[in-house]
Each structure stands twice: as C-alpha cells, then as structure tokens.
C-alpha atoms as a PDB file:
ATOM      1  CA  MET A   1       9.285 116.177-107.372  1.00  0.00           C
ATOM      2  CA  PRO A   2       6.553 113.405-108.830  1.00  0.00           C
ATOM      3  CA  ILE A   3       7.358 111.909-112.169  1.00  0.00           C
ATOM      4  CA  ALA A   4       3.894 112.514-113.229  1.00  0.00           C
ATOM      5  CA  ALA A   5       1.149 114.897-111.896  1.00  0.00           C
ATOM      6  CA  LEU A   6      -2.232 116.498-112.916  1.00  0.00           C
ATOM      7  CA  VAL A   7      -3.958 119.497-112.009  1.00  0.00           C
ATOM      8  CA  THR A   8      -7.726 119.966-112.620  1.00  0.00           C
ATOM      9  CA  GLY A   9      -9.012 123.352-113.297  1.00  0.00           C
ATOM     10  CA  ALA A  10      -5.476 124.377-114.685  1.00  0.00           C
ATOM     11  CA  SER A  11      -6.559 127.072-117.318  1.00  0.00           C
ATOM     12  CA  ARG A  12      -6.808 129.964-114.521  1.00  0.00           C
ATOM     13  CA  GLY A  13      -6.264 131.029-111.136  1.00  0.00           C
ATOM     14  CA  LEU A  14      -4.363 128.738-108.727  1.00  0.00           C
ATOM     15  CA  GLY A  15      -4.620 125.718-111.246  1.00  0.00           C
ATOM     16  CA  LEU A  16      -2.700 127.939-113.875  1.00  0.00           C
ATOM     17  CA  GLU A  17      -0.177 129.085-111.082  1.00  0.00           C
ATOM     18  CA  LEU A  18       0.249 125.392-110.013  1.00  0.00           C
ATOM     19  CA  ILE A  19       1.150 124.250-113.571  1.00  0.00           C
ATOM     20  CA  ARG A  20       3.598 127.291-113.830  1.00  0.00           C
ATOM     21  CA  GLN A  21       5.469 126.660-110.651  1.00  0.00           C
ATOM     22  CA  LEU A  22       5.387 122.784-111.065  1.00  0.00           C
ATOM     23  CA  GLY A  23       6.568 123.114-114.740  1.00  0.00           C
ATOM     24  CA  ARG A  24       9.518 125.448-114.287  1.00  0.00           C
ATOM     25  CA  GLY A  25      10.678 123.912-111.081  1.00  0.00           C
ATOM     26  CA  GLU A  26      14.163 122.791-110.548  1.00  0.00           C
ATOM     27  CA  ARG A  27      12.866 119.305-110.405  1.00  0.00           C
ATOM     28  CA  PRO A  28       9.773 119.460-112.760  1.00  0.00           C
ATOM     29  CA  PRO A  29       7.651 116.631-113.198  1.00  0.00           C
ATOM     30  CA  ARG A  30       8.485 114.525-116.579  1.00  0.00           C
ATOM     31  CA  TYR A  31       4.599 114.244-117.390  1.00  0.00           C
ATOM     32  CA  LEU A  32       2.589 117.485-116.023  1.00  0.00           C
ATOM     33  CA  PHE A  33      -0.880 117.100-117.298  1.00  0.00           C
ATOM     34  CA  ALA A  34      -2.986 120.337-117.049  1.00  0.00           C
ATOM     35  CA  ALA A  35      -6.753 119.525-117.222  1.00  0.00           C
ATOM     36  CA  CYS A  36      -9.260 122.082-118.199  1.00  0.00           C
ATOM     37  CA  ARG A  37     -12.759 122.083-119.550  1.00  0.00           C
ATOM     38  CA  GLU A  38     -12.134 124.132-122.872  1.00  0.00           C
ATOM     39  CA  PRO A  39      -8.624 123.556-123.882  1.00  0.00           C
ATOM     40  CA  GLU A  40      -9.306 125.450-127.327  1.00  0.00           C
ATOM     41  CA  GLY A  41     -11.371 128.466-125.701  1.00  0.00           C
ATOM     42  CA  THR A  42      -9.931 131.921-124.949  1.00  0.00           C
ATOM     43  CA  GLY A  43      -9.965 131.128-121.289  1.00  0.00           C
ATOM     44  CA  ALA A  44      -7.048 128.529-121.960  1.00  0.00           C
ATOM     45  CA  THR A  45      -4.898 131.045-123.825  1.00  0.00           C
ATOM     46  CA  GLU A  46      -2.344 131.696-120.821  1.00  0.00           C
ATOM     47  CA  LEU A  47      -1.999 127.942-120.432  1.00  0.00           C
ATOM     48  CA  LYS A  48      -1.485 127.195-123.995  1.00  0.00           C
ATOM     49  CA  ASN A  49       1.167 129.998-124.019  1.00  0.00           C
ATOM     50  CA  PHE A  50       3.129 128.504-121.063  1.00  0.00           C
ATOM     51  CA  ALA A  51       2.836 124.795-122.653  1.00  0.00           C
ATOM     52  CA  LYS A  52       4.391 125.923-125.624  1.00  0.00           C
ATOM     53  CA  CYS A  53       7.504 126.690-123.699  1.00  0.00           C
ATOM     54  CA  PHE A  54       7.679 123.395-121.573  1.00  0.00           C
ATOM     55  CA  SER A  55       7.566 120.219-123.390  1.00  0.00           C
ATOM     56  CA  ASN A  56       6.732 118.367-120.267  1.00  0.00           C
ATOM     57  CA  VAL A  57       3.294 120.126-120.024  1.00  0.00           C
ATOM     58  CA  LYS A  58       0.351 118.311-121.521  1.00  0.00           C
ATOM     59  CA  ILE A  59      -2.861 120.005-121.829  1.00  0.00           C
ATOM     60  CA  VAL A  60      -5.866 117.515-121.634  1.00  0.00           C
ATOM     61  CA  LYS A  61      -9.603 118.286-121.826  1.00  0.00           C
ATOM     62  CA  MET A  62     -11.591 117.438-118.732  1.00  0.00           C
ATOM     63  CA  ASP A  63     -15.029 118.409-117.799  1.00  0.00           C
ATOM     64  CA  VAL A  64     -15.148 117.341-114.104  1.00  0.00           C
ATOM     65  CA  ASP A  65     -18.767 117.421-114.169  1.00  0.00           C
ATOM     66  CA  ASP A  66     -18.895 115.087-117.150  1.00  0.00           C
ATOM     67  CA  LEU A  67     -18.485 111.134-116.174  1.00  0.00           C
ATOM     68  CA  ASN A  68     -17.605 110.371-119.885  1.00  0.00           C
ATOM     69  CA  SER A  69     -15.095 113.266-119.919  1.00  0.00           C
ATOM     70  CA  ILE A  70     -13.323 112.072-116.849  1.00  0.00           C
ATOM     71  CA  GLN A  71     -12.822 108.578-117.894  1.00  0.00           C
ATOM     72  CA  GLU A  72     -11.781 109.637-121.555  1.00  0.00           C
ATOM     73  CA  THR A  73      -9.125 111.790-120.062  1.00  0.00           C
ATOM     74  CA  ALA A  74      -7.989 109.170-117.552  1.00  0.00           C
ATOM     75  CA  GLU A  75      -7.585 106.718-120.236  1.00  0.00           C
ATOM     76  CA  GLN A  76      -5.932 109.138-122.374  1.00  0.00           C
ATOM     77  CA  ILE A  77      -3.311 109.912-119.599  1.00  0.00           C
ATOM     78  CA  GLN A  78      -2.743 106.122-119.046  1.00  0.00           C
ATOM     79  CA  LYS A  79      -1.530 105.972-122.711  1.00  0.00           C
ATOM     80  CA  VAL A  80       0.880 108.709-122.198  1.00  0.00           C
ATOM     81  CA  LEU A  81       2.200 107.456-119.174  1.00  0.00           C
ATOM     82  CA  LYS A  82       2.277 103.748-120.469  1.00  0.00           C
ATOM     83  CA  ASP A  83       4.119 102.053-117.618  1.00  0.00           C
ATOM     84  CA  ASN A  84       4.678 104.838-115.356  1.00  0.00           C
ATOM     85  CA  GLY A  85       2.022 105.638-112.878  1.00  0.00           C
ATOM     86  CA  LEU A  86       0.266 108.868-111.679  1.00  0.00           C
ATOM     87  CA  ASN A  87       2.336 110.336-108.632  1.00  0.00           C
ATOM     88  CA  LEU A  88       0.157 113.310-107.776  1.00  0.00           C
ATOM     89  CA  LEU A  89      -3.324 114.561-108.506  1.00  0.00           C
ATOM     90  CA  ILE A  90      -4.413 117.826-107.367  1.00  0.00           C
ATOM     91  CA  ASN A  91      -8.291 118.326-107.296  1.00  0.00           C
ATOM     92  CA  ASN A  92      -8.217 122.038-107.865  1.00  0.00           C
ATOM     93  CA  ALA A  93     -11.469 122.650-110.256  1.00  0.00           C
ATOM     94  CA  GLY A  94     -14.044 124.172-108.311  1.00  0.00           C
ATOM     95  CA  ILE A  95     -16.937 126.864-108.525  1.00  0.00           C
ATOM     96  CA  ASN A  96     -18.432 129.719-106.323  1.00  0.00           C
ATOM     97  CA  PHE A  97     -21.508 131.140-106.785  1.00  0.00           C
ATOM     98  CA  GLY A  98     -21.546 133.361-103.639  1.00  0.00           C
ATOM     99  CA  GLY A  99     -24.640 135.136-102.061  1.00  0.00           C
ATOM    100  CA  ASP A 100     -26.590 134.262 -98.947  1.00  0.00           C
ATOM    101  CA  LEU A 101     -29.742 132.318 -97.826  1.00  0.00           C
ATOM    102  CA  ASN A 102     -32.022 134.678 -99.851  1.00  0.00           C
ATOM    103  CA  GLY A 103     -30.328 133.960-103.166  1.00  0.00           C
ATOM    104  CA  ILE A 104     -29.906 130.217-102.846  1.00  0.00           C
ATOM    105  CA  THR A 105     -31.669 127.728-104.749  1.00  0.00           C
ATOM    106  CA  PRO A 106     -31.869 123.704-104.946  1.00  0.00           C
ATOM    107  CA  GLU A 107     -30.078 124.320-108.447  1.00  0.00           C
ATOM    108  CA  ILE A 108     -27.312 126.137-107.228  1.00  0.00           C
ATOM    109  CA  MET A 109     -26.824 123.811-104.218  1.00  0.00           C
ATOM    110  CA  MET A 110     -26.595 120.876-106.546  1.00  0.00           C
ATOM    111  CA  LYS A 111     -24.343 122.310-109.087  1.00  0.00           C
ATOM    112  CA  THR A 112     -21.767 123.314-106.304  1.00  0.00           C
ATOM    113  CA  TYR A 113     -21.915 119.588-104.954  1.00  0.00           C
ATOM    114  CA  THR A 114     -21.456 118.140-108.304  1.00  0.00           C
ATOM    115  CA  THR A 115     -18.337 120.125-108.995  1.00  0.00           C
ATOM    116  CA  ASN A 116     -16.783 120.693-105.614  1.00  0.00           C
ATOM    117  CA  VAL A 117     -17.517 117.330-103.838  1.00  0.00           C
ATOM    118  CA  ILE A 118     -18.626 114.652-106.452  1.00  0.00           C
ATOM    119  CA  ALA A 119     -16.180 115.364-109.218  1.00  0.00           C
ATOM    120  CA  PRO A 120     -13.021 115.127-106.852  1.00  0.00           C
ATOM    121  CA  VAL A 121     -14.496 111.618-105.993  1.00  0.00           C
ATOM    122  CA  MET A 122     -15.172 110.538-109.601  1.00  0.00           C
ATOM    123  CA  VAL A 123     -11.636 112.014-110.877  1.00  0.00           C
ATOM    124  CA  THR A 124      -9.940 110.067-108.208  1.00  0.00           C
ATOM    125  CA  LYS A 125     -11.903 107.134-108.838  1.00  0.00           C
ATOM    126  CA  ALA A 126     -10.877 107.101-112.759  1.00  0.00           C
ATOM    127  CA  LEU A 127      -7.503 107.764-111.788  1.00  0.00           C
ATOM    128  CA  LEU A 128      -6.979 105.211-109.045  1.00  0.00           C
ATOM    129  CA  PRO A 129      -5.420 102.590-111.314  1.00  0.00           C
ATOM    130  CA  SER A 130      -2.719 105.145-112.229  1.00  0.00           C
ATOM    131  CA  LEU A 131      -1.863 106.022-108.816  1.00  0.00           C
ATOM    132  CA  MET A 132      -1.890 102.299-107.441  1.00  0.00           C
ATOM    133  CA  GLN A 133       0.246 102.002-110.316  1.00  0.00           C
ATOM    134  CA  ALA A 134       2.808 104.591-109.108  1.00  0.00           C
ATOM    135  CA  ALA A 135       2.654 103.691-105.556  1.00  0.00           C
ATOM    136  CA  GLN A 136       3.756 100.062-106.538  1.00  0.00           C
ATOM    137  CA  LEU A 137       6.645 101.306-108.833  1.00  0.00           C
ATOM    138  CA  SER A 138       8.046 103.712-106.359  1.00  0.00           C
ATOM    139  CA  GLY A 139       9.456 100.967-103.875  1.00  0.00           C
ATOM    140  CA  GLU A 140       8.978 103.386-101.054  1.00  0.00           C
ATOM    141  CA  HIS A 141       7.816 102.012 -97.675  1.00  0.00           C
ATOM    142  CA  GLY A 142       6.284 105.493 -96.342  1.00  0.00           C
ATOM    143  CA  PHE A 143       3.846 108.007 -98.007  1.00  0.00           C
ATOM    144  CA  SER A 144       4.739 111.076-100.097  1.00  0.00           C
ATOM    145  CA  SER A 145       3.660 113.329-102.868  1.00  0.00           C
ATOM    146  CA  GLU A 146       6.482 111.872-105.028  1.00  0.00           C
ATOM    147  CA  LYS A 147       5.027 108.480-104.356  1.00  0.00           C
ATOM    148  CA  ALA A 148       1.478 108.654-104.739  1.00  0.00           C
ATOM    149  CA  ALA A 149      -0.759 111.342-103.470  1.00  0.00           C
ATOM    150  CA  VAL A 150      -4.678 112.789-103.650  1.00  0.00           C
ATOM    151  CA  ILE A 151      -4.647 116.496-102.795  1.00  0.00           C
ATOM    152  CA  ASN A 152      -8.234 118.069-102.451  1.00  0.00           C
ATOM    153  CA  MET A 153      -8.149 121.934-102.681  1.00  0.00           C
ATOM    154  CA  SER A 154     -10.461 123.177 -99.930  1.00  0.00           C
ATOM    155  CA  SER A 155     -10.849 126.187 -97.815  1.00  0.00           C
ATOM    156  CA  ILE A 156     -10.773 127.272 -94.349  1.00  0.00           C
ATOM    157  CA  MET A 157     -14.444 127.810 -94.669  1.00  0.00           C
ATOM    158  CA  ALA A 158     -14.765 123.903 -94.254  1.00  0.00           C
ATOM    159  CA  SER A 159     -13.935 124.110 -90.820  1.00  0.00           C
ATOM    160  CA  MET A 160     -16.847 124.451 -88.603  1.00  0.00           C
ATOM    161  CA  GLU A 161     -14.774 125.607 -85.480  1.00  0.00           C
ATOM    162  CA  MET A 162     -12.750 128.271 -87.352  1.00  0.00           C
ATOM    163  CA  PHE A 163     -16.225 129.427 -88.981  1.00  0.00           C
ATOM    164  CA  ASN A 164     -17.316 130.397 -85.279  1.00  0.00           C
ATOM    165  CA  ILE A 165     -14.763 132.523 -84.741  1.00  0.00           C
ATOM    166  CA  GLN A 166     -16.451 135.972 -85.502  1.00  0.00           C
ATOM    167  CA  ASN A 167     -13.394 138.066 -85.731  1.00  0.00           C
ATOM    168  CA  GLY A 168     -11.219 135.490 -87.198  1.00  0.00           C
ATOM    169  CA  LYS A 169      -9.932 134.546 -90.879  1.00  0.00           C
ATOM    170  CA  ALA A 170     -12.710 132.565 -91.308  1.00  0.00           C
ATOM    171  CA  TYR A 171     -15.134 135.313 -90.994  1.00  0.00           C
ATOM    172  CA  SER A 172     -13.339 137.353 -93.239  1.00  0.00           C
ATOM    173  CA  TYR A 173     -13.055 134.947 -95.976  1.00  0.00           C
ATOM    174  CA  SER A 174     -16.872 134.456 -96.154  1.00  0.00           C
ATOM    175  CA  GLN A 175     -17.811 138.207 -96.503  1.00  0.00           C
ATOM    176  CA  GLN A 176     -20.164 137.253 -99.443  1.00  0.00           C
ATOM    177  CA  GLY A 177     -22.653 135.837 -97.134  1.00  0.00           C
ATOM    178  CA  GLN A 178     -23.472 132.900 -94.938  1.00  0.00           C
ATOM    179  CA  CYS A 179     -24.673 130.957 -97.663  1.00  0.00           C
ATOM    180  CA  PRO A 180     -25.170 127.323 -97.014  1.00  0.00           C
ATOM    181  CA  SER A 181     -23.705 126.213-100.529  1.00  0.00           C
ATOM    182  CA  LEU A 182     -20.682 128.036 -99.748  1.00  0.00           C
ATOM    183  CA  HIS A 183     -19.743 126.251 -96.704  1.00  0.00           C
ATOM    184  CA  ALA A 184     -21.519 122.991 -96.531  1.00  0.00           C
ATOM    185  CA  HIS A 185     -19.965 121.558 -99.737  1.00  0.00           C
ATOM    186  CA  ARG A 186     -16.432 122.663 -98.476  1.00  0.00           C
ATOM    187  CA  ALA A 187     -16.914 120.592 -95.242  1.00  0.00           C
ATOM    188  CA  ALA A 188     -18.369 117.647 -97.437  1.00  0.00           C
ATOM    189  CA  LEU A 189     -14.926 117.710 -99.294  1.00  0.00           C
ATOM    190  CA  ASN A 190     -13.157 117.355 -96.251  1.00  0.00           C
ATOM    191  CA  MET A 191     -15.131 114.372 -95.230  1.00  0.00           C
ATOM    192  CA  VAL A 192     -14.406 112.915 -98.546  1.00  0.00           C
ATOM    193  CA  THR A 193     -10.644 113.598 -97.976  1.00  0.00           C
ATOM    194  CA  LYS A 194     -10.864 111.473 -94.673  1.00  0.00           C
ATOM    195  CA  CYS A 195     -12.838 108.540 -96.343  1.00  0.00           C
ATOM    196  CA  LEU A 196     -10.143 108.456 -99.114  1.00  0.00           C
ATOM    197  CA  ALA A 197      -7.328 108.645 -96.726  1.00  0.00           C
ATOM    198  CA  SER A 198      -8.510 105.712 -95.178  1.00  0.00           C
ATOM    199  CA  GLU A 199      -9.499 103.555 -97.964  1.00  0.00           C
ATOM    200  CA  LEU A 200      -6.270 104.396-100.049  1.00  0.00           C
ATOM    201  CA  LYS A 201      -3.784 104.132 -97.381  1.00  0.00           C
ATOM    202  CA  PRO A 202      -3.392 100.288 -97.722  1.00  0.00           C
ATOM    203  CA  HIS A 203      -2.515 101.040-101.185  1.00  0.00           C
ATOM    204  CA  GLY A 204       0.156 103.318-100.147  1.00  0.00           C
ATOM    205  CA  ILE A 205      -1.639 106.703-101.417  1.00  0.00           C
ATOM    206  CA  LEU A 206      -1.666 109.552 -99.349  1.00  0.00           C
ATOM    207  CA  CYS A 207      -4.694 112.110 -99.332  1.00  0.00           C
ATOM    208  CA  ALA A 208      -5.256 115.229 -97.572  1.00  0.00           C
ATOM    209  CA  SER A 209      -6.999 118.573 -97.950  1.00  0.00           C
ATOM    210  CA  VAL A 210      -5.114 121.917 -98.435  1.00  0.00           C
ATOM    211  CA  HIS A 211      -6.416 125.304 -97.691  1.00  0.00           C
ATOM    212  CA  PRO A 212      -4.398 127.769-100.187  1.00  0.00           C
ATOM    213  CA  GLY A 213      -5.313 130.716 -98.233  1.00  0.00           C
ATOM    214  CA  TRP A 214      -7.487 133.735 -99.300  1.00  0.00           C
ATOM    215  CA  VAL A 215      -6.254 134.231-102.711  1.00  0.00           C
ATOM    216  CA  LYS A 216      -6.439 137.055-105.115  1.00  0.00           C
ATOM    217  CA  THR A 217      -8.024 134.901-107.893  1.00  0.00           C
ATOM    218  CA  ASP A 218     -11.865 135.048-109.886  1.00  0.00           C
ATOM    219  CA  MET A 219     -12.921 133.079-106.886  1.00  0.00           C
ATOM    220  CA  GLY A 220     -11.247 134.841-103.894  1.00  0.00           C
ATOM    221  CA  GLY A 221     -11.646 138.543-105.233  1.00  0.00           C
ATOM    222  CA  GLU A 222      -9.582 141.415-105.091  1.00  0.00           C
ATOM    223  CA  LYS A 223      -9.889 141.771-101.336  1.00  0.00           C
ATOM    224  CA  ALA A 224      -8.028 138.691-100.722  1.00  0.00           C
ATOM    225  CA  SER A 225      -4.997 138.713 -98.864  1.00  0.00           C
ATOM    226  CA  LEU A 226      -2.718 136.621-100.767  1.00  0.00           C
ATOM    227  CA  PHE A 227      -1.340 136.567-104.108  1.00  0.00           C
ATOM    228  CA  LYS A 228      -1.557 133.471-106.224  1.00  0.00           C
ATOM    229  CA  GLU A 229       2.145 133.189-106.577  1.00  0.00           C
ATOM    230  CA  GLU A 230       2.596 133.316-102.755  1.00  0.00           C
ATOM    231  CA  SER A 231       0.100 130.688-101.974  1.00  0.00           C
ATOM    232  CA  VAL A 232       1.335 128.069-104.655  1.00  0.00           C
ATOM    233  CA  GLU A 233       4.883 128.465-103.436  1.00  0.00           C
ATOM    234  CA  GLY A 234       3.868 127.693-100.036  1.00  0.00           C
ATOM    235  CA  ILE A 235       1.520 124.873-101.136  1.00  0.00           C
ATOM    236  CA  LEU A 236       4.139 123.155-103.028  1.00  0.00           C
ATOM    237  CA  LYS A 237       6.395 123.290-100.156  1.00  0.00           C
ATOM    238  CA  VAL A 238       3.973 121.598 -98.101  1.00  0.00           C
ATOM    239  CA  LEU A 239       3.593 118.792-100.456  1.00  0.00           C
ATOM    240  CA  ALA A 240       7.019 118.218-100.748  1.00  0.00           C
ATOM    241  CA  ARG A 241       7.393 117.632 -97.280  1.00  0.00           C
ATOM    242  CA  LEU A 242       4.089 115.374 -96.673  1.00  0.00           C
ATOM    243  CA  SER A 243       4.552 112.161 -94.932  1.00  0.00           C
ATOM    244  CA  GLU A 244       2.208 109.243 -93.479  1.00  0.00           C
ATOM    245  CA  GLN A 245       1.509 111.580 -90.420  1.00  0.00           C
ATOM    246  CA  ASP A 246      -0.165 113.773 -92.798  1.00  0.00           C
ATOM    247  CA  ASN A 247      -2.654 111.365 -94.358  1.00  0.00           C
ATOM    248  CA  GLY A 248      -6.190 112.443 -93.680  1.00  0.00           C
ATOM    249  CA  LEU A 249      -5.226 115.956 -92.522  1.00  0.00           C
ATOM    250  CA  PHE A 250      -6.535 119.471 -93.254  1.00  0.00           C
ATOM    251  CA  LEU A 251      -3.714 121.688 -94.025  1.00  0.00           C
ATOM    252  CA  ASP A 252      -3.117 125.140 -95.013  1.00  0.00           C
ATOM    253  CA  TRP A 253      -0.391 126.730 -97.269  1.00  0.00           C
ATOM    254  CA  ARG A 254       1.908 127.098 -94.648  1.00  0.00           C
ATOM    255  CA  GLY A 255       1.902 123.514 -93.408  1.00  0.00           C
ATOM    256  CA  GLN A 256      -0.317 124.373 -90.348  1.00  0.00           C
ATOM    257  CA  ARG A 257      -2.991 121.820 -89.176  1.00  0.00           C
ATOM    258  CA  LEU A 258      -6.378 123.059 -89.500  1.00  0.00           C
ATOM    259  CA  PRO A 259      -9.086 121.957 -87.144  1.00  0.00           C
ATOM    260  CA  TRP A 260     -12.428 120.323 -88.499  1.00  0.00           C
END
C-alpha cells in the first residue's frame, strides 16, 4: 500500500468504503486523507466515527468545485506530509442528476462538467508537486500505485462502444434515461485521463480510469448489481497490481480493460 493516499468525496458511498478498506487493511497508508465538502456536517458522521478508530485517517475539507478550497487543502496536506509525497490520489467525488433530454438544462450540464470533469483536473494540478515528490522519493523505475498514481473514478457509460450494446451492461446501467449530461461528461473524464497519463508519464506518475461497476449507492440506486464492499475490494486489488502497461487505460473493478 502507498505511504500517503487521498480520496475525494469520502463522506459516503464508494469514497467512504475506500477509506474504510484502505484504513483497516493489512498494510494501511501511513497518511490516509479523506476529503469531503462538509466534514462537520451530519453527512460525514460515519466518516468521523471511523476516523476516531484509526489515527492514520485524516479528514480534510475540500469543495472540489472551489479552486480556493482545493488549493488550501493541497497546502494543508503538504504540511502534514512534510518531506513525504502523496503516492495515491483517487478522484472519486462526483454528482449525478439523472433525467433525460427533456429535463436537461445548460445549468445542469455545466454543474456536472464542473464537478465531474474540471474538478479532477484541478485537484490533480494542485497536488502535482506532492505526487512528483512521491515519485522521486520512491526510487522505483516502473509505475505503480505505491509509487505515484492518479485514479479517476469513471463509469462504463463513458464507453461509446459499450453504450451501443442495447442489451449489454451499459444499457442496463443507464436506465435513468439517455441524458447527454450523464454520458458525455464521463467520456470527457476518460479523455482527461489519457491526457494526464501522457503528461505525467515523464514524472513517473501513473494515471488510469476505473469503472467501479454498477454499485448500490445513492448514485447507483437500489437496483444496482454490486454492493460497495465488493466493488471497493476489487478496485483495491486492481490498484495493487497496476504497472506501466496500465498507464492511460480504462479498467473495471475486476481489472478488465474496457473499450473507449
């Protein structure tokens, strides 16, 4: 496991489960930052209760839609890490408005893009010095999530090829409607992953997109086929075996490569 990791959107759903499984693992990170928008709110109660039992879990306030908040949190994290870098960044925070073409508005599309596409870029940018420091300190020649990695939580709905399979998983995953905001932003996030993978490769930083499966969370809904515990267990196994050949790829929670 990495020495230091950060998960955004950590107060509920997949983010909270990622913190739980990382925090209580056999080789937990020495520093595990759980970022959420309102750490003092009632929505973060489960996260706070978990953090009380694990001294390595540090809750930090980060509104991924607010550039000042992102930068302030990045500086706070660096102060905690001191001479250590950040090995693993999981851009998990996201929103889902649902609906179809009749209900879409420019405001909904802009809000979705801001949170689900622009925010991961800005968070990565703010934490890049810490990621570069971790890569330099590791002494490893290859790529791994223990050295330095950026993981963007995507969705199979980002795959245009899978989306065209009318009776496949992509269709069943998107029963809320064929809303442009639901699917276009996920494809845009995957493009961000490809660009980051290319730009960060010279610095020894791996970047990949991961589809967690259709998970029973507030975003996935009760009809989803996976429990969050099962999804996150698979994701962490995938992250543990990432290498240079996975840089810039789109993978699912089982480690299977997905088509763009």
